[in-house]
C-alpha cells in the first residue's frame, strides 16, 4: 500500500525541527556504538601527525593510535586513560 506521506529534505526543515532530527540520529548512532563497544574516534592536540587519532571506548579507556595509511592497520602509541 502506497503512503501519501511527503518526505522533505532535511535542509528544507525549520532549524528547530532540523536540529531535533539530527540530534535524534546522532543519539541513535552513539547508542549503537556503545552497544557494540566501538570507540569514538577524533583528533586533538596530541594528534601531531595526519594519521594519529584518539580512540575513546565506552568503558572509559582512551588511546592515541597511529593508522597505517596503506592498510588501515592501527598501532597503539599511548594509553591515555
Foldseek 3Di string as FASTA:
>chain_A
DDDPDDDDDLVPDPPVVSVVVVVVVVVVVVVVCLVVQFFDWADDPVCPDPQWIWTATPVGKIFIWGADPVPRDIDTPDTDD
